[in-house]
Amino acid sequence: MSRKLNFLVVFTGIAVIALLNSCTNEIIDEEKPTISINYSDGFPSACENLNRGQSYAIKAKVTDNLELASYSVEIHHNFDHHTHDDQLVDCTLDPVKSAVNPLVFSKSGVINGQLTEYEINQVITISETVDTGDYHLALSVTDITGWQARTSVDIKIVE
């Protein structure tokens, strides 16, 4: 064989072995990350009243079996009494109403450092001018492979 052909055969063999080896070592992630507000520092709990003009630290633990990638915290009004499929607690709701100046909050972040556990700690200040009433706090977390978990809790903004 010519030197060129010999090199090509050896190079192709090494490439095939490397490719097969990388395929057999690939980890398949079949677990979604988790979100919990139900621990001693978790906040807010379901049906919690939050006062206008105050600041609060939203805290939740997120975990994953491999690696966490990002999270989001969102608050939107529930003046129409819609629900989310994961709400486990029924709170007493105010009468249905139209929004005039609802609180709208959305914040997302990246989780660096190849962590499998992280505490979301997002401070929010509630303006004195937002509509009082029923709101949803929605949390989501995404892991490094793209799995996502979501949860939401009913909260109420009061005077």
N, C-alpha and C. Protein backbone atom coordinates (compact mmCIF):
# COMPACT_ATOMS: atom_id res chain seq x y z
N MET A 1 0.83 -1.18 0.00
CA MET A 1 0.00 0.00 0.00
C MET A 1 0.88 1.24 0.00
N SER A 2 0.32 2.26 -0.58
CA SER A 2 1.07 3.51 -0.56
C SER A 2 1.00 4.12 0.83
N ARG A 3 1.93 4.97 1.09
CA ARG A 3 1.97 5.63 2.40
C ARG A 3 0.72 6.44 2.66
N LYS A 4 0.24 7.12 1.63
CA LYS A 4 -0.95 7.94 1.74
C LYS A 4 -2.17 7.08 2.09
N LEU A 5 -2.33 5.98 1.40
CA LEU A 5 -3.46 5.08 1.64
C LEU A 5 -3.35 4.45 3.03
N ASN A 6 -2.15 4.05 3.43
CA ASN A 6 -1.92 3.48 4.75
C ASN A 6 -2.31 4.47 5.85
N PHE A 7 -1.92 5.74 5.69
CA PHE A 7 -2.26 6.78 6.66
C PHE A 7 -3.78 6.96 6.72
N LEU A 8 -4.42 6.95 5.57
CA LEU A 8 -5.87 7.13 5.51
C LEU A 8 -6.60 5.99 6.22
N VAL A 9 -6.14 4.75 6.04
CA VAL A 9 -6.76 3.59 6.69
C VAL A 9 -6.59 3.69 8.21
N VAL A 10 -5.39 4.01 8.68
CA VAL A 10 -5.13 4.13 10.11
C VAL A 10 -5.95 5.28 10.71
N PHE A 11 -5.97 6.42 10.04
CA PHE A 11 -6.72 7.57 10.52
C PHE A 11 -8.21 7.26 10.60
N THR A 12 -8.76 6.62 9.59
CA THR A 12 -10.17 6.25 9.58
C THR A 12 -10.48 5.27 10.71
N GLY A 13 -9.62 4.30 10.94
CA GLY A 13 -9.80 3.34 12.03
C GLY A 13 -9.83 4.02 13.38
N ILE A 14 -8.91 4.93 13.60
CA ILE A 14 -8.87 5.66 14.87
C ILE A 14 -10.13 6.50 15.04
N ALA A 15 -10.58 7.15 13.98
CA ALA A 15 -11.79 7.97 14.04
C ALA A 15 -13.01 7.12 14.37
N VAL A 16 -13.12 5.94 13.76
CA VAL A 16 -14.25 5.05 14.03
C VAL A 16 -14.22 4.57 15.48
N ILE A 17 -13.07 4.19 15.98
CA ILE A 17 -12.94 3.74 17.38
C ILE A 17 -13.31 4.87 18.33
N ALA A 18 -12.83 6.07 18.07
CA ALA A 18 -13.16 7.22 18.92
C ALA A 18 -14.66 7.50 18.90
N LEU A 19 -15.26 7.42 17.73
CA LEU A 19 -16.70 7.66 17.61
C LEU A 19 -17.50 6.61 18.37
N LEU A 20 -17.15 5.36 18.23
CA LEU A 20 -17.85 4.28 18.94
C LEU A 20 -17.68 4.42 20.45
N ASN A 21 -16.49 4.78 20.88
CA ASN A 21 -16.21 4.95 22.30
C ASN A 21 -17.04 6.10 22.88
N SER A 22 -17.14 7.22 22.15
CA SER A 22 -17.91 8.35 22.66
C SER A 22 -19.39 8.01 22.73
N CYS A 23 -19.89 7.19 21.80
CA CYS A 23 -21.31 6.81 21.82
C CYS A 23 -21.62 5.90 23.00
N THR A 24 -20.72 5.01 23.35
CA THR A 24 -21.00 4.07 24.43
C THR A 24 -20.89 4.73 25.81
N ASN A 25 -20.19 5.86 25.91
CA ASN A 25 -20.03 6.53 27.20
C ASN A 25 -21.06 7.64 27.42
N GLU A 26 -21.93 7.88 26.45
CA GLU A 26 -22.90 8.94 26.56
C GLU A 26 -23.93 8.62 27.65
N ILE A 27 -24.17 9.61 28.51
CA ILE A 27 -25.15 9.46 29.58
C ILE A 27 -26.49 9.98 29.07
N ILE A 28 -27.51 9.19 29.21
CA ILE A 28 -28.85 9.59 28.80
C ILE A 28 -29.61 10.05 30.05
N ASP A 29 -30.00 11.31 30.04
CA ASP A 29 -30.71 11.88 31.18
C ASP A 29 -32.20 11.64 31.01
N GLU A 30 -32.79 10.93 31.94
CA GLU A 30 -34.22 10.66 31.90
C GLU A 30 -34.96 11.27 33.08
N GLU A 31 -34.29 12.17 33.82
CA GLU A 31 -34.90 12.78 35.00
C GLU A 31 -35.03 14.28 34.84
N LYS A 32 -36.23 14.79 35.13
CA LYS A 32 -36.45 16.23 35.16
C LYS A 32 -35.86 16.80 36.43
N PRO A 33 -35.49 18.08 36.40
CA PRO A 33 -35.08 18.72 37.66
C PRO A 33 -36.29 18.90 38.57
N THR A 34 -36.05 19.27 39.81
CA THR A 34 -37.13 19.49 40.77
C THR A 34 -37.08 20.91 41.33
N ILE A 35 -38.25 21.36 41.79
CA ILE A 35 -38.38 22.69 42.41
C ILE A 35 -39.14 22.50 43.72
N SER A 36 -38.65 23.13 44.79
CA SER A 36 -39.36 23.06 46.06
C SER A 36 -39.34 24.40 46.78
N ILE A 37 -40.51 24.81 47.23
CA ILE A 37 -40.63 25.98 48.11
C ILE A 37 -40.89 25.50 49.53
N ASN A 38 -41.21 24.23 49.67
CA ASN A 38 -41.60 23.66 50.96
C ASN A 38 -40.39 23.25 51.80
N TYR A 39 -39.65 24.23 52.28
CA TYR A 39 -38.55 24.02 53.23
C TYR A 39 -38.48 25.25 54.12
N SER A 40 -37.67 25.23 55.14
CA SER A 40 -37.72 26.28 56.17
C SER A 40 -37.50 27.69 55.61
N ASP A 41 -36.64 27.88 54.62
CA ASP A 41 -36.40 29.21 54.07
C ASP A 41 -37.19 29.47 52.78
N GLY A 42 -37.95 28.50 52.30
CA GLY A 42 -38.71 28.68 51.07
C GLY A 42 -39.77 29.77 51.22
N PHE A 43 -39.95 30.57 50.15
CA PHE A 43 -40.93 31.66 50.21
C PHE A 43 -41.36 32.03 48.81
N PRO A 44 -42.63 32.30 48.61
CA PRO A 44 -43.74 32.28 49.56
C PRO A 44 -44.43 30.94 49.55
N SER A 45 -45.17 30.68 50.60
CA SER A 45 -45.99 29.47 50.61
C SER A 45 -47.30 29.80 49.90
N ALA A 46 -48.06 28.77 49.56
CA ALA A 46 -49.34 28.97 48.88
C ALA A 46 -50.26 29.82 49.75
N CYS A 47 -51.01 30.68 49.11
CA CYS A 47 -52.01 31.55 49.74
C CYS A 47 -51.39 32.67 50.57
N GLU A 48 -50.12 32.92 50.40
CA GLU A 48 -49.42 33.96 51.16
C GLU A 48 -49.88 35.35 50.72
N ASN A 49 -50.06 36.26 51.68
CA ASN A 49 -50.37 37.66 51.39
C ASN A 49 -49.08 38.47 51.34
N LEU A 50 -48.89 39.22 50.27
CA LEU A 50 -47.74 40.10 50.11
C LEU A 50 -48.25 41.54 50.06
N ASN A 51 -47.62 42.42 50.83
CA ASN A 51 -48.07 43.80 50.94
C ASN A 51 -47.46 44.70 49.87
N ARG A 52 -48.30 45.58 49.31
CA ARG A 52 -47.79 46.60 48.38
C ARG A 52 -46.78 47.46 49.13
N GLY A 53 -45.78 47.93 48.42
CA GLY A 53 -44.76 48.79 49.01
C GLY A 53 -43.67 48.04 49.76
N GLN A 54 -43.71 46.72 49.77
CA GLN A 54 -42.72 45.91 50.49
C GLN A 54 -41.83 45.14 49.50
N SER A 55 -40.67 44.74 49.99
CA SER A 55 -39.76 43.89 49.22
C SER A 55 -39.76 42.50 49.83
N TYR A 56 -39.64 41.50 48.98
CA TYR A 56 -39.63 40.10 49.41
C TYR A 56 -38.56 39.34 48.65
N ALA A 57 -38.00 38.34 49.31
CA ALA A 57 -37.03 37.45 48.66
C ALA A 57 -37.75 36.14 48.32
N ILE A 58 -37.95 35.92 47.04
CA ILE A 58 -38.54 34.66 46.56
C ILE A 58 -37.43 33.62 46.67
N LYS A 59 -37.68 32.53 47.41
CA LYS A 59 -36.66 31.50 47.60
C LYS A 59 -37.23 30.12 47.29
N ALA A 60 -36.49 29.38 46.47
CA ALA A 60 -36.88 28.01 46.12
C ALA A 60 -35.63 27.19 45.87
N LYS A 61 -35.66 25.93 46.27
CA LYS A 61 -34.55 25.01 45.99
C LYS A 61 -34.84 24.27 44.69
N VAL A 62 -33.82 24.23 43.84
CA VAL A 62 -33.93 23.46 42.59
C VAL A 62 -32.79 22.44 42.58
N THR A 63 -33.08 21.24 42.11
CA THR A 63 -32.09 20.17 42.08
C THR A 63 -32.18 19.43 40.75
N ASP A 64 -31.09 18.75 40.40
CA ASP A 64 -31.06 17.90 39.21
C ASP A 64 -30.05 16.79 39.42
N ASN A 65 -30.27 15.68 38.75
CA ASN A 65 -29.37 14.54 38.89
C ASN A 65 -28.03 14.76 38.18
N LEU A 66 -27.98 15.60 37.14
CA LEU A 66 -26.73 15.83 36.41
C LEU A 66 -26.18 17.23 36.60
N GLU A 67 -26.93 18.23 36.10
CA GLU A 67 -26.44 19.61 36.20
C GLU A 67 -27.58 20.57 35.88
N LEU A 68 -27.70 21.61 36.67
CA LEU A 68 -28.69 22.66 36.45
C LEU A 68 -28.17 23.67 35.44
N ALA A 69 -29.07 24.28 34.68
CA ALA A 69 -28.64 25.24 33.66
C ALA A 69 -29.23 26.64 33.86
N SER A 70 -30.56 26.74 34.12
CA SER A 70 -31.17 28.06 34.24
C SER A 70 -32.48 27.98 35.02
N TYR A 71 -32.99 29.16 35.38
CA TYR A 71 -34.25 29.23 36.11
C TYR A 71 -35.00 30.49 35.69
N SER A 72 -36.28 30.55 36.02
CA SER A 72 -37.04 31.78 35.84
C SER A 72 -38.06 31.92 36.96
N VAL A 73 -38.34 33.18 37.28
CA VAL A 73 -39.34 33.55 38.28
C VAL A 73 -40.29 34.53 37.58
N GLU A 74 -41.58 34.26 37.70
CA GLU A 74 -42.56 35.10 37.01
C GLU A 74 -43.78 35.28 37.90
N ILE A 75 -44.33 36.48 37.90
CA ILE A 75 -45.57 36.74 38.64
C ILE A 75 -46.54 37.40 37.66
N HIS A 76 -47.77 36.87 37.63
CA HIS A 76 -48.82 37.45 36.79
C HIS A 76 -50.15 37.40 37.55
N HIS A 77 -51.08 38.26 37.15
CA HIS A 77 -52.35 38.33 37.88
C HIS A 77 -53.22 37.12 37.57
N ASN A 78 -54.09 36.84 38.53
CA ASN A 78 -55.07 35.76 38.39
C ASN A 78 -56.48 36.32 38.63
N PHE A 79 -56.73 37.50 38.09
CA PHE A 79 -58.02 38.15 38.30
C PHE A 79 -59.15 37.41 37.59
N ASP A 80 -58.80 36.54 36.62
CA ASP A 80 -59.81 35.77 35.89
C ASP A 80 -60.00 34.35 36.45
N HIS A 81 -59.25 34.02 37.50
CA HIS A 81 -59.34 32.72 38.19
C HIS A 81 -58.88 31.54 37.33
N HIS A 82 -57.91 31.77 36.45
CA HIS A 82 -57.37 30.63 35.70
C HIS A 82 -56.51 29.78 36.64
N THR A 83 -56.21 28.57 36.23
CA THR A 83 -55.41 27.67 37.07
C THR A 83 -54.23 27.14 36.27
N HIS A 84 -53.29 26.59 37.00
CA HIS A 84 -52.16 25.88 36.41
C HIS A 84 -52.25 24.45 36.90
N ASP A 85 -51.81 23.51 36.10
CA ASP A 85 -52.04 22.09 36.38
C ASP A 85 -51.30 21.54 37.59
N ASP A 86 -50.40 22.29 38.17
CA ASP A 86 -49.61 21.76 39.29
C ASP A 86 -49.98 22.36 40.64
N GLN A 87 -51.00 23.19 40.71
CA GLN A 87 -51.36 23.83 41.97
C GLN A 87 -52.07 22.82 42.87
N LEU A 88 -51.50 22.62 44.05
CA LEU A 88 -52.01 21.60 44.96
C LEU A 88 -52.90 22.15 46.07
N VAL A 89 -52.88 23.47 46.25
CA VAL A 89 -53.63 24.10 47.34
C VAL A 89 -54.66 25.04 46.73
N ASP A 90 -55.90 24.96 47.20
CA ASP A 90 -56.95 25.88 46.77
C ASP A 90 -57.01 27.04 47.75
N CYS A 91 -56.76 28.24 47.24
CA CYS A 91 -56.81 29.44 48.07
C CYS A 91 -58.15 30.14 47.86
N THR A 92 -58.55 30.94 48.82
CA THR A 92 -59.76 31.74 48.68
C THR A 92 -59.45 32.89 47.73
N LEU A 93 -60.25 32.99 46.67
CA LEU A 93 -60.01 34.00 45.65
C LEU A 93 -60.98 35.17 45.79
N ASP A 94 -60.49 36.36 45.44
CA ASP A 94 -61.35 37.54 45.37
C ASP A 94 -62.29 37.39 44.18
N PRO A 95 -63.33 38.21 44.09
CA PRO A 95 -64.20 38.16 42.92
C PRO A 95 -63.42 38.45 41.62
N VAL A 96 -63.89 37.89 40.51
CA VAL A 96 -63.27 38.15 39.20
C VAL A 96 -63.33 39.65 38.93
N LYS A 97 -62.23 40.18 38.36
CA LYS A 97 -62.19 41.61 38.02
C LYS A 97 -61.26 41.83 36.83
N SER A 98 -61.31 43.03 36.30
CA SER A 98 -60.42 43.39 35.20
C SER A 98 -59.16 44.05 35.76
N ALA A 99 -58.06 43.80 35.12
CA ALA A 99 -56.80 44.40 35.54
C ALA A 99 -56.72 45.85 35.07
N VAL A 100 -56.23 46.70 35.96
CA VAL A 100 -55.99 48.10 35.63
C VAL A 100 -54.48 48.35 35.60
N ASN A 101 -53.82 48.02 36.70
CA ASN A 101 -52.37 48.18 36.80
C ASN A 101 -51.79 46.95 37.51
N PRO A 102 -51.82 45.79 36.84
CA PRO A 102 -51.37 44.56 37.51
C PRO A 102 -49.84 44.52 37.64
N LEU A 103 -49.38 43.80 38.64
CA LEU A 103 -47.96 43.52 38.77
C LEU A 103 -47.57 42.55 37.67
N VAL A 104 -46.53 42.90 36.95
CA VAL A 104 -45.95 42.01 35.94
C VAL A 104 -44.48 41.90 36.27
N PHE A 105 -44.02 40.69 36.56
CA PHE A 105 -42.63 40.47 36.95
C PHE A 105 -42.11 39.24 36.24
N SER A 106 -40.92 39.36 35.67
CA SER A 106 -40.28 38.21 35.02
C SER A 106 -38.77 38.38 35.12
N LYS A 107 -38.13 37.36 35.64
CA LYS A 107 -36.67 37.39 35.79
C LYS A 107 -36.15 35.98 35.54
N SER A 108 -35.08 35.88 34.77
CA SER A 108 -34.46 34.57 34.55
C SER A 108 -32.97 34.69 34.84
N GLY A 109 -32.37 33.54 35.11
CA GLY A 109 -30.95 33.53 35.42
C GLY A 109 -30.29 32.23 34.98
N VAL A 110 -29.00 32.31 34.82
CA VAL A 110 -28.18 31.15 34.46
C VAL A 110 -27.59 30.59 35.75
N ILE A 111 -27.53 29.27 35.84
CA ILE A 111 -26.93 28.62 37.01
C ILE A 111 -25.57 28.09 36.56
N ASN A 112 -24.52 28.77 36.99
CA ASN A 112 -23.15 28.41 36.61
C ASN A 112 -22.51 27.47 37.62
N GLY A 113 -21.47 26.79 37.21
CA GLY A 113 -20.66 26.01 38.13
C GLY A 113 -20.98 24.54 38.19
N GLN A 114 -21.69 24.01 37.22
CA GLN A 114 -22.00 22.57 37.17
C GLN A 114 -22.65 22.09 38.46
N LEU A 115 -23.62 22.86 38.95
CA LEU A 115 -24.29 22.54 40.22
C LEU A 115 -25.44 21.57 40.01
N THR A 116 -25.68 20.73 41.01
CA THR A 116 -26.84 19.85 41.00
C THR A 116 -27.89 20.33 42.00
N GLU A 117 -27.53 21.31 42.83
CA GLU A 117 -28.47 21.92 43.78
C GLU A 117 -28.20 23.41 43.81
N TYR A 118 -29.28 24.19 43.86
CA TYR A 118 -29.16 25.64 43.82
C TYR A 118 -30.37 26.25 44.52
N GLU A 119 -30.17 27.39 45.17
CA GLU A 119 -31.31 28.10 45.76
C GLU A 119 -31.56 29.36 44.97
N ILE A 120 -32.74 29.43 44.35
CA ILE A 120 -33.17 30.67 43.72
C ILE A 120 -33.43 31.66 44.84
N ASN A 121 -32.91 32.85 44.71
CA ASN A 121 -33.11 33.91 45.71
C ASN A 121 -33.30 35.20 44.94
N GLN A 122 -34.54 35.49 44.60
CA GLN A 122 -34.87 36.64 43.76
C GLN A 122 -35.66 37.66 44.56
N VAL A 123 -35.10 38.85 44.74
CA VAL A 123 -35.78 39.91 45.47
C VAL A 123 -36.72 40.65 44.53
N ILE A 124 -37.91 40.90 45.02
CA ILE A 124 -38.90 41.68 44.27
C ILE A 124 -39.48 42.74 45.19
N THR A 125 -39.62 43.94 44.65
CA THR A 125 -40.29 45.03 45.38
C THR A 125 -41.64 45.25 44.72
N ILE A 126 -42.68 45.22 45.52
CA ILE A 126 -44.03 45.38 45.00
C ILE A 126 -44.40 46.86 45.11
N SER A 127 -44.67 47.45 43.99
CA SER A 127 -45.02 48.87 43.93
C SER A 127 -46.31 49.15 44.70
N GLU A 128 -46.41 50.34 45.24
CA GLU A 128 -47.61 50.76 45.97
C GLU A 128 -48.79 50.98 45.02
N THR A 129 -48.52 51.04 43.72
CA THR A 129 -49.57 51.38 42.76
C THR A 129 -50.16 50.19 42.02
N VAL A 130 -49.64 48.97 42.23
CA VAL A 130 -50.18 47.82 41.50
C VAL A 130 -51.53 47.39 42.07
N ASP A 131 -52.30 46.75 41.21
CA ASP A 131 -53.61 46.23 41.63
C ASP A 131 -53.43 45.21 42.74
N THR A 132 -54.27 45.31 43.76
CA THR A 132 -54.32 44.26 44.77
C THR A 132 -55.14 43.10 44.21
N GLY A 133 -54.96 41.93 44.78
CA GLY A 133 -55.76 40.79 44.36
C GLY A 133 -54.94 39.54 44.19
N ASP A 134 -55.49 38.61 43.44
CA ASP A 134 -54.93 37.27 43.27
C ASP A 134 -53.88 37.24 42.16
N TYR A 135 -52.77 36.57 42.46
CA TYR A 135 -51.66 36.45 41.52
C TYR A 135 -51.13 35.01 41.56
N HIS A 136 -50.38 34.67 40.52
CA HIS A 136 -49.64 33.41 40.49
C HIS A 136 -48.15 33.72 40.48
N LEU A 137 -47.41 33.02 41.30
CA LEU A 137 -45.95 33.01 41.24
C LEU A 137 -45.57 31.73 40.51
N ALA A 138 -44.94 31.86 39.37
CA ALA A 138 -44.55 30.69 38.57
C ALA A 138 -43.02 30.58 38.55
N LEU A 139 -42.53 29.38 38.85
CA LEU A 139 -41.09 29.10 38.84
C LEU A 139 -40.81 28.01 37.83
N SER A 140 -39.69 28.13 37.15
CA SER A 140 -39.26 27.04 36.26
C SER A 140 -37.75 26.87 36.36
N VAL A 141 -37.30 25.66 36.09
CA VAL A 141 -35.87 25.35 36.09
C VAL A 141 -35.61 24.41 34.92
N THR A 142 -34.46 24.60 34.28
CA THR A 142 -34.05 23.76 33.15
C THR A 142 -32.70 23.16 33.47
N ASP A 143 -32.54 21.88 33.15
CA ASP A 143 -31.24 21.25 33.38
C ASP A 143 -30.39 21.32 32.11
N ILE A 144 -29.18 20.84 32.21
CA ILE A 144 -28.19 20.96 31.14
C ILE A 144 -28.60 20.21 29.86
N THR A 145 -29.45 19.19 30.00
CA THR A 145 -29.88 18.44 28.82
C THR A 145 -31.21 18.93 28.25
N GLY A 146 -31.81 19.95 28.89
CA GLY A 146 -33.03 20.54 28.35
C GLY A 146 -34.31 20.16 29.07
N TRP A 147 -34.24 19.24 30.03
CA TRP A 147 -35.44 18.92 30.81
C TRP A 147 -35.85 20.16 31.60
N GLN A 148 -37.16 20.36 31.72
CA GLN A 148 -37.66 21.51 32.46
C GLN A 148 -38.73 21.08 33.46
N ALA A 149 -38.74 21.73 34.60
CA ALA A 149 -39.79 21.53 35.60
C ALA A 149 -40.39 22.90 35.89
N ARG A 150 -41.70 22.90 36.19
CA ARG A 150 -42.41 24.13 36.50
C ARG A 150 -43.29 23.90 37.72
N THR A 151 -43.49 24.97 38.46
CA THR A 151 -44.46 24.94 39.54
C THR A 151 -45.00 26.35 39.72
N SER A 152 -46.17 26.44 40.31
CA SER A 152 -46.74 27.75 40.60
C SER A 152 -47.54 27.69 41.89
N VAL A 153 -47.63 28.84 42.53
CA VAL A 153 -48.41 28.95 43.76
C VAL A 153 -49.27 30.21 43.68
N ASP A 154 -50.44 30.12 44.31
CA ASP A 154 -51.30 31.30 44.42
C ASP A 154 -50.77 32.20 45.53
N ILE A 155 -50.70 33.48 45.23
CA ILE A 155 -50.37 34.49 46.23
C ILE A 155 -51.39 35.61 46.09
N LYS A 156 -51.43 36.49 47.07
CA LYS A 156 -52.35 37.61 47.03
C LYS A 156 -51.58 38.86 47.39
N ILE A 157 -51.75 39.91 46.59
CA ILE A 157 -51.17 41.21 46.91
C ILE A 157 -52.25 42.03 47.61
N VAL A 158 -51.89 42.54 48.80
CA VAL A 158 -52.83 43.28 49.63
C VAL A 158 -52.28 44.66 49.92
N GLU A 159 -53.15 45.52 50.48
CA GLU A 159 -52.75 46.91 50.83
C GLU A 159 -51.53 46.93 51.70
